[in-house]
Every structure is written in C-alpha cells, then in structure tokens.
C-alpha cells in the first residue's frame, strides 16, 4: 500500500492498528467493542489517506511555498491528529475496561 510505504505517520498507524488488534483478541472483546475499535481504526486510516491526498494535490498545484497551501496542509494534519486522539480514547476505554478490576 502506497500510503504505508511513503508516509511515516501511516507506518505509526499501522503499528498501532496491529497492537490494538492483537490486544483485542487477547482480551476477548465483545462484538460491540470490536465494532467501536474497527470504527476508530477506519476513521484514523481514512483521515490519514485524505491528509496525504491533500498534501500531494497541494504540492502539484503549488510547488512553491504559499501561505494558504501551508494553512490547508496544517488543517488536514490537524484533522488527523483529532481523529487519532479520539481513537486513542476509544481504545483506552475499551481495552482498559478489560484490564482494570
């Protein structure tokens, strides 16, 4: 997958995805818990793909530095951060509920 090969953050997301899937299997998540985890994972991957697409299009349309292009790239990256933080919270709630008494 090009996204994982070319984007460092996607490689981090892949590692996190694998860790969460292994942990989920090990903890015996319910169907509803798996649904929440899968939705969080899909949201992060979708946001990362959109961010990468926006960056590529911006680089082609305006190879030179432009403040509006920079702002658009920053906003797209910020969107990925928001989604990733939300996914982290979902993962912590679901996974930690199995670890804590």
PDB file of N, CA and C in Angstrom:
ATOM      1  N   UNK A   1       0.847  -1.171   0.000  1.00  0.00           N
ATOM      2  CA  UNK A   1       0.000   0.000   0.000  1.00  0.00           C
ATOM      3  C   UNK A   1       0.899   1.243   0.000  1.00  0.00           C
ATOM      4  N   UNK A   2       0.661   2.092  -0.962  1.00  0.00           N
ATOM      5  CA  UNK A   2       1.498   3.286  -1.149  1.00  0.00           C
ATOM      6  C   UNK A   2       1.512   4.180   0.101  1.00  0.00           C
ATOM      7  N   UNK A   3       0.367   4.311   0.736  1.00  0.00           N
ATOM      8  CA  UNK A   3       0.261   5.163   1.919  1.00  0.00           C
ATOM      9  C   UNK A   3       1.255   4.733   2.992  1.00  0.00           C
ATOM     10  N   UNK A   4       1.332   3.459   3.261  1.00  0.00           N
ATOM     11  CA  UNK A   4       2.235   2.948   4.304  1.00  0.00           C
ATOM     12  C   UNK A   4       3.692   3.045   3.868  1.00  0.00           C
ATOM     13  N   UNK A   5       3.952   2.809   2.588  1.00  0.00           N
ATOM     14  CA  UNK A   5       5.332   2.887   2.096  1.00  0.00           C
ATOM     15  C   UNK A   5       5.882   4.306   2.153  1.00  0.00           C
ATOM     16  N   UNK A   6       5.053   5.291   1.867  1.00  0.00           N
ATOM     17  CA  UNK A   6       5.555   6.652   1.677  1.00  0.00           C
ATOM     18  C   UNK A   6       5.318   7.602   2.850  1.00  0.00           C
ATOM     19  N   UNK A   7       4.438   7.248   3.740  1.00  0.00           N
ATOM     20  CA  UNK A   7       4.105   8.164   4.835  1.00  0.00           C
ATOM     21  C   UNK A   7       4.524   7.581   6.182  1.00  0.00           C
ATOM     22  N   UNK A   8       5.417   8.287   6.855  1.00  0.00           N
ATOM     23  CA  UNK A   8       5.920   7.829   8.165  1.00  0.00           C
ATOM     24  C   UNK A   8       4.778   7.683   9.180  1.00  0.00           C
ATOM     25  N   UNK A   9       3.852   8.658   9.190  1.00  0.00           N
ATOM     26  CA  UNK A   9       2.750   8.578  10.147  1.00  0.00           C
ATOM     27  C   UNK A   9       1.858   7.370   9.887  1.00  0.00           C
ATOM     28  N   UNK A  10       1.702   6.989   8.632  1.00  0.00           N
ATOM     29  CA  UNK A  10       0.910   5.800   8.317  1.00  0.00           C
ATOM     30  C   UNK A  10       1.585   4.550   8.867  1.00  0.00           C
ATOM     31  N   UNK A  11       2.900   4.534   8.889  1.00  0.00           N
ATOM     32  CA  UNK A  11       3.617   3.404   9.473  1.00  0.00           C
ATOM     33  C   UNK A  11       3.356   3.318  10.976  1.00  0.00           C
ATOM     34  N   UNK A  12       3.283   4.460  11.622  1.00  0.00           N
ATOM     35  CA  UNK A  12       2.941   4.504  13.053  1.00  0.00           C
ATOM     36  C   UNK A  12       1.512   4.002  13.246  1.00  0.00           C
ATOM     37  N   UNK A  13       0.587   4.444  12.377  1.00  0.00           N
ATOM     38  CA  UNK A  13      -0.801   3.992  12.465  1.00  0.00           C
ATOM     39  C   UNK A  13      -0.897   2.484  12.248  1.00  0.00           C
ATOM     40  N   UNK A  14      -0.093   1.956  11.335  1.00  0.00           N
ATOM     41  CA  UNK A  14      -0.104   0.511  11.092  1.00  0.00           C
ATOM     42  C   UNK A  14       0.342  -0.247  12.337  1.00  0.00           C
ATOM     43  N   UNK A  15       1.403   0.209  12.959  1.00  0.00           N
ATOM     44  CA  UNK A  15       1.873  -0.435  14.186  1.00  0.00           C
ATOM     45  C   UNK A  15       0.795  -0.382  15.272  1.00  0.00           C
ATOM     46  N   UNK A  16       0.191   0.787  15.446  1.00  0.00           N
ATOM     47  CA  UNK A  16      -0.857   0.936  16.455  1.00  0.00           C
ATOM     48  C   UNK A  16      -2.046   0.026  16.135  1.00  0.00           C
ATOM     49  N   UNK A  17      -2.405  -0.060  14.866  1.00  0.00           N
ATOM     50  CA  UNK A  17      -3.510  -0.920  14.449  1.00  0.00           C
ATOM     51  C   UNK A  17      -3.224  -2.372  14.814  1.00  0.00           C
ATOM     52  N   UNK A  18      -2.023  -2.824  14.498  1.00  0.00           N
ATOM     53  CA  UNK A  18      -1.666  -4.216  14.802  1.00  0.00           C
ATOM     54  C   UNK A  18      -1.650  -4.487  16.301  1.00  0.00           C
ATOM     55  N   UNK A  19      -1.112  -3.552  17.068  1.00  0.00           N
ATOM     56  CA  UNK A  19      -1.064  -3.716  18.534  1.00  0.00           C
ATOM     57  C   UNK A  19      -2.477  -3.807  19.098  1.00  0.00           C
ATOM     58  N   UNK A  20      -3.358  -2.936  18.641  1.00  0.00           N
ATOM     59  CA  UNK A  20      -4.736  -2.930  19.149  1.00  0.00           C
ATOM     60  C   UNK A  20      -5.470  -4.213  18.755  1.00  0.00           C
ATOM     61  N   UNK A  21      -5.279  -4.680  17.533  1.00  0.00           N
ATOM     62  CA  UNK A  21      -5.938  -5.918  17.103  1.00  0.00           C
ATOM     63  C   UNK A  21      -5.453  -7.105  17.931  1.00  0.00           C
ATOM     64  N   UNK A  22      -4.161  -7.203  18.133  1.00  0.00           N
ATOM     65  CA  UNK A  22      -3.619  -8.299  18.954  1.00  0.00           C
ATOM     66  C   UNK A  22      -4.132  -8.204  20.382  1.00  0.00           C
ATOM     67  N   UNK A  23      -4.119  -6.999  20.944  1.00  0.00           N
ATOM     68  CA  UNK A  23      -4.620  -6.807  22.312  1.00  0.00           C
ATOM     69  C   UNK A  23      -6.099  -7.160  22.394  1.00  0.00           C
ATOM     70  N   UNK A  24      -6.861  -6.760  21.389  1.00  0.00           N
ATOM     71  CA  UNK A  24      -8.292  -7.059  21.387  1.00  0.00           C
ATOM     72  C   UNK A  24      -8.575  -8.543  21.372  1.00  0.00           C
ATOM     73  N   UNK A  25      -7.846  -9.265  20.536  1.00  0.00           N
ATOM     74  CA  UNK A  25      -8.005 -10.721  20.525  1.00  0.00           C
ATOM     75  C   UNK A  25      -7.603 -11.331  21.863  1.00  0.00           C
ATOM     76  N   UNK A  26      -6.508 -10.850  22.409  1.00  0.00           N
ATOM     77  CA  UNK A  26      -6.042 -11.378  23.687  1.00  0.00           C
ATOM     78  C   UNK A  26      -7.000 -11.104  24.831  1.00  0.00           C
ATOM     79  N   UNK A  27      -7.695  -9.993  24.767  1.00  0.00           N
ATOM     80  CA  UNK A  27      -8.619  -9.618  25.842  1.00  0.00           C
ATOM     81  C   UNK A  27     -10.041 -10.132  25.612  1.00  0.00           C
ATOM     82  N   UNK A  28     -10.285 -10.718  24.452  1.00  0.00           N
ATOM     83  CA  UNK A  28     -11.603 -11.284  24.173  1.00  0.00           C
ATOM     84  C   UNK A  28     -12.704 -10.239  24.088  1.00  0.00           C
ATOM     85  N   UNK A  29     -12.516  -9.248  23.247  1.00  0.00           N
ATOM     86  CA  UNK A  29     -13.502  -8.178  23.111  1.00  0.00           C
ATOM     87  C   UNK A  29     -14.841  -8.711  22.604  1.00  0.00           C
ATOM     88  N   UNK A  30     -15.895  -8.041  23.026  1.00  0.00           N
ATOM     89  CA  UNK A  30     -17.237  -8.381  22.549  1.00  0.00           C
ATOM     90  C   UNK A  30     -17.429  -7.828  21.138  1.00  0.00           C
ATOM     91  N   UNK A  31     -18.528  -8.207  20.499  1.00  0.00           N
ATOM     92  CA  UNK A  31     -18.821  -7.718  19.147  1.00  0.00           C
ATOM     93  C   UNK A  31     -18.973  -6.194  19.135  1.00  0.00           C
ATOM     94  N   UNK A  32     -19.610  -5.640  20.133  1.00  0.00           N
ATOM     95  CA  UNK A  32     -19.798  -4.185  20.199  1.00  0.00           C
ATOM     96  C   UNK A  32     -18.450  -3.490  20.408  1.00  0.00           C
ATOM     97  N   UNK A  33     -17.627  -4.053  21.254  1.00  0.00           N
ATOM     98  CA  UNK A  33     -16.297  -3.470  21.481  1.00  0.00           C
ATOM     99  C   UNK A  33     -15.467  -3.522  20.197  1.00  0.00           C
ATOM    100  N   UNK A  34     -15.536  -4.644  19.483  1.00  0.00           N
ATOM    101  CA  UNK A  34     -14.819  -4.744  18.208  1.00  0.00           C
ATOM    102  C   UNK A  34     -15.339  -3.706  17.217  1.00  0.00           C
ATOM    103  N   UNK A  35     -16.640  -3.499  17.206  1.00  0.00           N
ATOM    104  CA  UNK A  35     -17.216  -2.512  16.294  1.00  0.00           C
ATOM    105  C   UNK A  35     -16.659  -1.119  16.595  1.00  0.00           C
ATOM    106  N   UNK A  36     -16.561  -0.773  17.867  1.00  0.00           N
ATOM    107  CA  UNK A  36     -16.001   0.528  18.248  1.00  0.00           C
ATOM    108  C   UNK A  36     -14.536   0.638  17.836  1.00  0.00           C
ATOM    109  N   UNK A  37     -13.779  -0.405  18.084  1.00  0.00           N
ATOM    110  CA  UNK A  37     -12.361  -0.411  17.728  1.00  0.00           C
ATOM    111  C   UNK A  37     -12.189  -0.297  16.211  1.00  0.00           C
ATOM    112  N   UNK A  38     -12.962  -1.075  15.453  1.00  0.00           N
ATOM    113  CA  UNK A  38     -12.854  -1.036  13.994  1.00  0.00           C
ATOM    114  C   UNK A  38     -13.237   0.341  13.461  1.00  0.00           C
ATOM    115  N   UNK A  39     -14.287   0.934  13.990  1.00  0.00           N
ATOM    116  CA  UNK A  39     -14.675   2.278  13.554  1.00  0.00           C
ATOM    117  C   UNK A  39     -13.568   3.292  13.838  1.00  0.00           C
ATOM    118  N   UNK A  40     -12.944   3.185  14.995  1.00  0.00           N
ATOM    119  CA  UNK A  40     -11.845   4.100  15.331  1.00  0.00           C
ATOM    120  C   UNK A  40     -10.667   3.898  14.383  1.00  0.00           C
ATOM    121  N   UNK A  41     -10.325   2.651  14.100  1.00  0.00           N
ATOM    122  CA  UNK A  41      -9.208   2.363  13.193  1.00  0.00           C
ATOM    123  C   UNK A  41      -9.512   2.893  11.788  1.00  0.00           C
ATOM    124  N   UNK A  42     -10.702   2.634  11.302  1.00  0.00           N
ATOM    125  CA  UNK A  42     -11.087   3.083   9.965  1.00  0.00           C
ATOM    126  C   UNK A  42     -11.077   4.611   9.883  1.00  0.00           C
ATOM    127  N   UNK A  43     -11.524   5.264  10.937  1.00  0.00           N
ATOM    128  CA  UNK A  43     -11.526   6.733  10.942  1.00  0.00           C
ATOM    129  C   UNK A  43     -10.108   7.282  10.835  1.00  0.00           C
ATOM    130  N   UNK A  44      -9.182   6.698  11.579  1.00  0.00           N
ATOM    131  CA  UNK A  44      -7.790   7.166  11.531  1.00  0.00           C
ATOM    132  C   UNK A  44      -7.192   6.938  10.147  1.00  0.00           C
ATOM    133  N   UNK A  45      -7.391   5.740   9.586  1.00  0.00           N
ATOM    134  CA  UNK A  45      -6.831   5.446   8.267  1.00  0.00           C
ATOM    135  C   UNK A  45      -7.444   6.336   7.185  1.00  0.00           C
ATOM    136  N   UNK A  46      -8.731   6.600   7.295  1.00  0.00           N
ATOM    137  CA  UNK A  46      -9.384   7.484   6.323  1.00  0.00           C
ATOM    138  C   UNK A  46      -8.840   8.902   6.423  1.00  0.00           C
ATOM    139  N   UNK A  47      -8.691   9.392   7.633  1.00  0.00           N
ATOM    140  CA  UNK A  47      -8.155  10.745   7.826  1.00  0.00           C
ATOM    141  C   UNK A  47      -6.728  10.838   7.311  1.00  0.00           C
ATOM    142  N   UNK A  48      -5.924   9.828   7.567  1.00  0.00           N
ATOM    143  CA  UNK A  48      -4.532   9.836   7.103  1.00  0.00           C
ATOM    144  C   UNK A  48      -4.465   9.802   5.582  1.00  0.00           C
ATOM    145  N   UNK A  49      -5.312   9.009   4.952  1.00  0.00           N
ATOM    146  CA  UNK A  49      -5.334   8.936   3.487  1.00  0.00           C
ATOM    147  C   UNK A  49      -5.770  10.276   2.888  1.00  0.00           C
ATOM    148  N   UNK A  50      -6.793  10.887   3.461  1.00  0.00           N
ATOM    149  CA  UNK A  50      -7.251  12.192   2.968  1.00  0.00           C
ATOM    150  C   UNK A  50      -6.171  13.257   3.150  1.00  0.00           C
ATOM    151  N   UNK A  51      -5.521  13.242   4.291  1.00  0.00           N
ATOM    152  CA  UNK A  51      -4.447  14.210   4.542  1.00  0.00           C
ATOM    153  C   UNK A  51      -3.331  14.038   3.515  1.00  0.00           C
ATOM    154  N   UNK A  52      -2.938  12.822   3.259  1.00  0.00           N
ATOM    155  CA  UNK A  52      -1.873  12.567   2.285  1.00  0.00           C
ATOM    156  C   UNK A  52      -2.290  12.996   0.886  1.00  0.00           C
ATOM    157  N   UNK A  53      -3.550  12.747   0.530  1.00  0.00           N
ATOM    158  CA  UNK A  53      -4.047  13.163  -0.777  1.00  0.00           C
ATOM    159  C   UNK A  53      -4.045  14.688  -0.907  1.00  0.00           C
ATOM    160  N   UNK A  54      -4.486  15.365   0.134  1.00  0.00           N
ATOM    161  CA  UNK A  54      -4.487  16.837   0.124  1.00  0.00           C
ATOM    162  C   UNK A  54      -3.067  17.362  -0.025  1.00  0.00           C
ATOM    163  N   UNK A  55      -2.126  16.781   0.700  1.00  0.00           N
ATOM    164  CA  UNK A  55      -0.730  17.222   0.600  1.00  0.00           C
ATOM    165  C   UNK A  55      -0.185  17.022  -0.818  1.00  0.00           C
ATOM    166  N   UNK A  56      -0.484  15.878  -1.422  1.00  0.00           N
ATOM    167  CA  UNK A  56       0.019  15.601  -2.768  1.00  0.00           C
ATOM    168  C   UNK A  56      -0.580  16.569  -3.795  1.00  0.00           C
ATOM    169  N   UNK A  57      -1.887  16.770  -3.724  1.00  0.00           N
ATOM    170  CA  UNK A  57      -2.546  17.695  -4.644  1.00  0.00           C
ATOM    171  C   UNK A  57      -2.001  19.101  -4.460  1.00  0.00           C
ATOM    172  N   UNK A  58      -1.816  19.510  -3.225  1.00  0.00           N
ATOM    173  CA  UNK A  58      -1.288  20.849  -2.945  1.00  0.00           C
ATOM    174  C   UNK A  58       0.125  21.004  -3.504  1.00  0.00           C
ATOM    175  N   UNK A  59       0.941  19.988  -3.367  1.00  0.00           N
ATOM    176  CA  UNK A  59       2.313  20.061  -3.876  1.00  0.00           C
ATOM    177  C   UNK A  59       2.356  20.162  -5.400  1.00  0.00           C
ATOM    178  N   UNK A  60       1.420  19.508  -6.071  1.00  0.00           N
ATOM    179  CA  UNK A  60       1.377  19.562  -7.528  1.00  0.00           C
ATOM    180  C   UNK A  60       0.850  20.912  -8.005  1.00  0.00           C
ATOM    181  N   UNK A  61      -0.189  21.401  -7.369  1.00  0.00           N
ATOM    182  CA  UNK A  61      -0.813  22.646  -7.822  1.00  0.00           C
ATOM    183  C   UNK A  61      -0.006  23.880  -7.450  1.00  0.00           C
ATOM    184  N   UNK A  62       0.767  23.776  -6.369  1.00  0.00           N
ATOM    185  CA  UNK A  62       1.557  24.928  -5.937  1.00  0.00           C
ATOM    186  C   UNK A  62       2.882  24.446  -5.360  1.00  0.00           C
ATOM    187  N   UNK A  63       3.851  24.103  -6.240  1.00  0.00           N
ATOM    188  CA  UNK A  63       5.132  23.578  -5.753  1.00  0.00           C
ATOM    189  C   UNK A  63       5.905  24.576  -4.885  1.00  0.00           C
ATOM    190  N   UNK A  64       5.703  25.859  -5.121  1.00  0.00           N
ATOM    191  CA  UNK A  64       6.394  26.870  -4.310  1.00  0.00           C
ATOM    192  C   UNK A  64       5.611  27.096  -3.009  1.00  0.00           C
ATOM    193  N   UNK A  65       6.278  27.657  -2.032  1.00  0.00           N
ATOM    194  CA  UNK A  65       5.656  27.944  -0.744  1.00  0.00           C
ATOM    195  C   UNK A  65       4.513  28.948  -0.934  1.00  0.00           C
ATOM    196  N   UNK A  66       3.377  28.649  -0.344  1.00  0.00           N
ATOM    197  CA  UNK A  66       2.246  29.572  -0.378  1.00  0.00           C
ATOM    198  C   UNK A  66       1.545  29.472   0.974  1.00  0.00           C
ATOM    199  N   UNK A  67       1.282  30.617   1.612  1.00  0.00           N
ATOM    200  CA  UNK A  67       0.706  30.574   2.958  1.00  0.00           C
ATOM    201  C   UNK A  67      -0.649  29.866   3.032  1.00  0.00           C
ATOM    202  N   UNK A  68      -1.478  29.994   2.022  1.00  0.00           N
ATOM    203  CA  UNK A  68      -2.786  29.337   2.051  1.00  0.00           C
ATOM    204  C   UNK A  68      -2.648  27.817   1.879  1.00  0.00           C
ATOM    205  N   UNK A  69      -1.720  27.402   1.034  1.00  0.00           N
ATOM    206  CA  UNK A  69      -1.463  25.966   0.871  1.00  0.00           C
ATOM    207  C   UNK A  69      -0.921  25.397   2.179  1.00  0.00           C
ATOM    208  N   UNK A  70      -0.003  26.125   2.796  1.00  0.00           N
ATOM    209  CA  UNK A  70       0.538  25.686   4.090  1.00  0.00           C
ATOM    210  C   UNK A  70      -0.550  25.574   5.137  1.00  0.00           C
ATOM    211  N   UNK A  71      -1.474  26.544   5.155  1.00  0.00           N
ATOM    212  CA  UNK A  71      -2.573  26.506   6.118  1.00  0.00           C
ATOM    213  C   UNK A  71      -3.481  25.301   5.861  1.00  0.00           C
ATOM    214  N   UNK A  72      -3.767  25.018   4.581  1.00  0.00           N
ATOM    215  CA  UNK A  72      -4.608  23.867   4.249  1.00  0.00           C
ATOM    216  C   UNK A  72      -3.952  22.555   4.690  1.00  0.00           C
ATOM    217  N   UNK A  73      -2.650  22.449   4.449  1.00  0.00           N
ATOM    218  CA  UNK A  73      -1.932  21.245   4.876  1.00  0.00           C
ATOM    219  C   UNK A  73      -1.955  21.104   6.394  1.00  0.00           C
ATOM    220  N   UNK A  74      -1.767  22.214   7.094  1.00  0.00           N
ATOM    221  CA  UNK A  74      -1.795  22.184   8.556  1.00  0.00           C
ATOM    222  C   UNK A  74      -3.175  21.763   9.074  1.00  0.00           C
ATOM    223  N   UNK A  75      -4.231  22.273   8.450  1.00  0.00           N
ATOM    224  CA  UNK A  75      -5.592  21.912   8.870  1.00  0.00           C
ATOM    225  C   UNK A  75      -5.862  20.429   8.637  1.00  0.00           C
ATOM    226  N   UNK A  76      -5.421  19.916   7.488  1.00  0.00           N
ATOM    227  CA  UNK A  76      -5.617  18.491   7.202  1.00  0.00           C
ATOM    228  C   UNK A  76      -4.859  17.624   8.201  1.00  0.00           C
ATOM    229  N   UNK A  77      -3.636  18.021   8.512  1.00  0.00           N
ATOM    230  CA  UNK A  77      -2.849  17.279   9.503  1.00  0.00           C
ATOM    231  C   UNK A  77      -3.494  17.369  10.882  1.00  0.00           C
ATOM    232  N   UNK A  78      -4.041  18.530  11.199  1.00  0.00           N
ATOM    233  CA  UNK A  78      -4.740  18.695  12.472  1.00  0.00           C
ATOM    234  C   UNK A  78      -5.957  17.792  12.561  1.00  0.00           C
ATOM    235  N   UNK A  79      -6.634  17.603  11.435  1.00  0.00           N
ATOM    236  CA  UNK A  79      -7.773  16.689  11.409  1.00  0.00           C
ATOM    237  C   UNK A  79      -7.368  15.267  11.729  1.00  0.00           C
ATOM    238  N   UNK A  80      -6.231  14.849  11.193  1.00  0.00           N
ATOM    239  CA  UNK A  80      -5.718  13.506  11.510  1.00  0.00           C
ATOM    240  C   UNK A  80      -5.411  13.398  12.996  1.00  0.00           C
ATOM    241  N   UNK A  81      -4.811  14.428  13.552  1.00  0.00           N
ATOM    242  CA  UNK A  81      -4.485  14.419  14.987  1.00  0.00           C
ATOM    243  C   UNK A  81      -5.748  14.291  15.829  1.00  0.00           C
ATOM    244  N   UNK A  82      -6.790  15.038  15.488  1.00  0.00           N
ATOM    245  CA  UNK A  82      -8.049  14.974  16.244  1.00  0.00           C
ATOM    246  C   UNK A  82      -8.638  13.567  16.185  1.00  0.00           C
ATOM    247  N   UNK A  83      -8.667  12.990  14.993  1.00  0.00           N
ATOM    248  CA  UNK A  83      -9.220  11.637  14.836  1.00  0.00           C
ATOM    249  C   UNK A  83      -8.365  10.620  15.590  1.00  0.00           C
ATOM    250  N   UNK A  84      -7.045  10.756  15.500  1.00  0.00           N
ATOM    251  CA  UNK A  84      -6.149   9.815  16.189  1.00  0.00           C
ATOM    252  C   UNK A  84      -6.310   9.910  17.703  1.00  0.00           C
ATOM    253  N   UNK A  85      -6.459  11.115  18.215  1.00  0.00           N
ATOM    254  CA  UNK A  85      -6.676  11.270  19.663  1.00  0.00           C
ATOM    255  C   UNK A  85      -8.012  10.674  20.084  1.00  0.00           C
ATOM    256  N   UNK A  86      -9.035  10.863  19.262  1.00  0.00           N
ATOM    257  CA  UNK A  86     -10.335  10.246  19.545  1.00  0.00           C
ATOM    258  C   UNK A  86     -10.236   8.727  19.548  1.00  0.00           C
ATOM    259  N   UNK A  87      -9.509   8.184  18.582  1.00  0.00           N
ATOM    260  CA  UNK A  87      -9.319   6.734  18.516  1.00  0.00           C
ATOM    261  C   UNK A  87      -8.548   6.228  19.730  1.00  0.00           C
ATOM    262  N   UNK A  88      -7.586   7.006  20.173  1.00  0.00           N
ATOM    263  CA  UNK A  88      -6.829   6.635  21.372  1.00  0.00           C
ATOM    264  C   UNK A  88      -7.752   6.550  22.582  1.00  0.00           C
ATOM    265  N   UNK A  89      -8.639   7.508  22.719  1.00  0.00           N
ATOM    266  CA  UNK A  89      -9.588   7.499  23.841  1.00  0.00           C
ATOM    267  C   UNK A  89     -10.508   6.282  23.757  1.00  0.00           C
ATOM    268  N   UNK A  90     -11.033   6.001  22.566  1.00  0.00           N
ATOM    269  CA  UNK A  90     -11.884   4.816  22.392  1.00  0.00           C
ATOM    270  C   UNK A  90     -11.102   3.554  22.764  1.00  0.00           C
ATOM    271  N   UNK A  91      -9.886   3.439  22.257  1.00  0.00           N
ATOM    272  CA  UNK A  91      -9.063   2.269  22.565  1.00  0.00           C
ATOM    273  C   UNK A  91      -8.788   2.125  24.050  1.00  0.00           C
ATOM    274  N   UNK A  92      -8.487   3.240  24.696  1.00  0.00           N
ATOM    275  CA  UNK A  92      -8.217   3.179  26.140  1.00  0.00           C
ATOM    276  C   UNK A  92      -9.460   2.748  26.916  1.00  0.00           C
ATOM    277  N   UNK A  93     -10.612   3.307  26.555  1.00  0.00           N
ATOM    278  CA  UNK A  93     -11.851   2.942  27.258  1.00  0.00           C
ATOM    279  C   UNK A  93     -12.149   1.459  27.074  1.00  0.00           C
ATOM    280  N   UNK A  94     -12.072   0.997  25.834  1.00  0.00           N
ATOM    281  CA  UNK A  94     -12.431  -0.402  25.549  1.00  0.00           C
ATOM    282  C   UNK A  94     -11.402  -1.360  26.130  1.00  0.00           C
ATOM    283  N   UNK A  95     -10.133  -1.124  25.845  1.00  0.00           N
ATOM    284  CA  UNK A  95      -9.106  -2.082  26.274  1.00  0.00           C
ATOM    285  C   UNK A  95      -8.865  -2.042  27.779  1.00  0.00           C
ATOM    286  N   UNK A  96      -8.802  -0.851  28.357  1.00  0.00           N
ATOM    287  CA  UNK A  96      -8.538  -0.751  29.797  1.00  0.00           C
ATOM    288  C   UNK A  96      -9.687  -1.300  30.628  1.00  0.00           C
ATOM    289  N   UNK A  97     -10.914  -1.301  30.074  1.00  0.00           N
ATOM    290  CA  UNK A  97     -12.036  -1.858  30.837  1.00  0.00           C
ATOM    291  C   UNK A  97     -11.831  -3.349  31.086  1.00  0.00           C
ATOM    292  N   UNK A  98     -11.027  -3.987  30.260  1.00  0.00           N
ATOM    293  CA  UNK A  98     -10.719  -5.415  30.450  1.00  0.00           C
ATOM    294  C   UNK A  98      -9.522  -5.632  31.372  1.00  0.00           C
ATOM    295  N   UNK A  99      -8.736  -4.609  31.577  1.00  0.00           N
ATOM    296  CA  UNK A  99      -7.524  -4.745  32.392  1.00  0.00           C
ATOM    297  C   UNK A  99      -7.717  -4.296  33.832  1.00  0.00           C
ATOM    298  N   UNK A 100      -8.643  -3.374  34.024  1.00  0.00           N
ATOM    299  CA  UNK A 100      -8.856  -2.834  35.363  1.00  0.00           C
ATOM    300  C   UNK A 100      -9.964  -3.619  36.076  1.00  0.00           C
ATOM    301  N   UNK A 101      -9.810  -3.763  37.394  1.00  0.00           N
ATOM    302  CA  UNK A 101     -10.833  -4.533  38.146  1.00  0.00           C
ATOM    303  C   UNK A 101     -12.171  -3.834  38.197  1.00  0.00           C
TER     304      UNK A 101
END
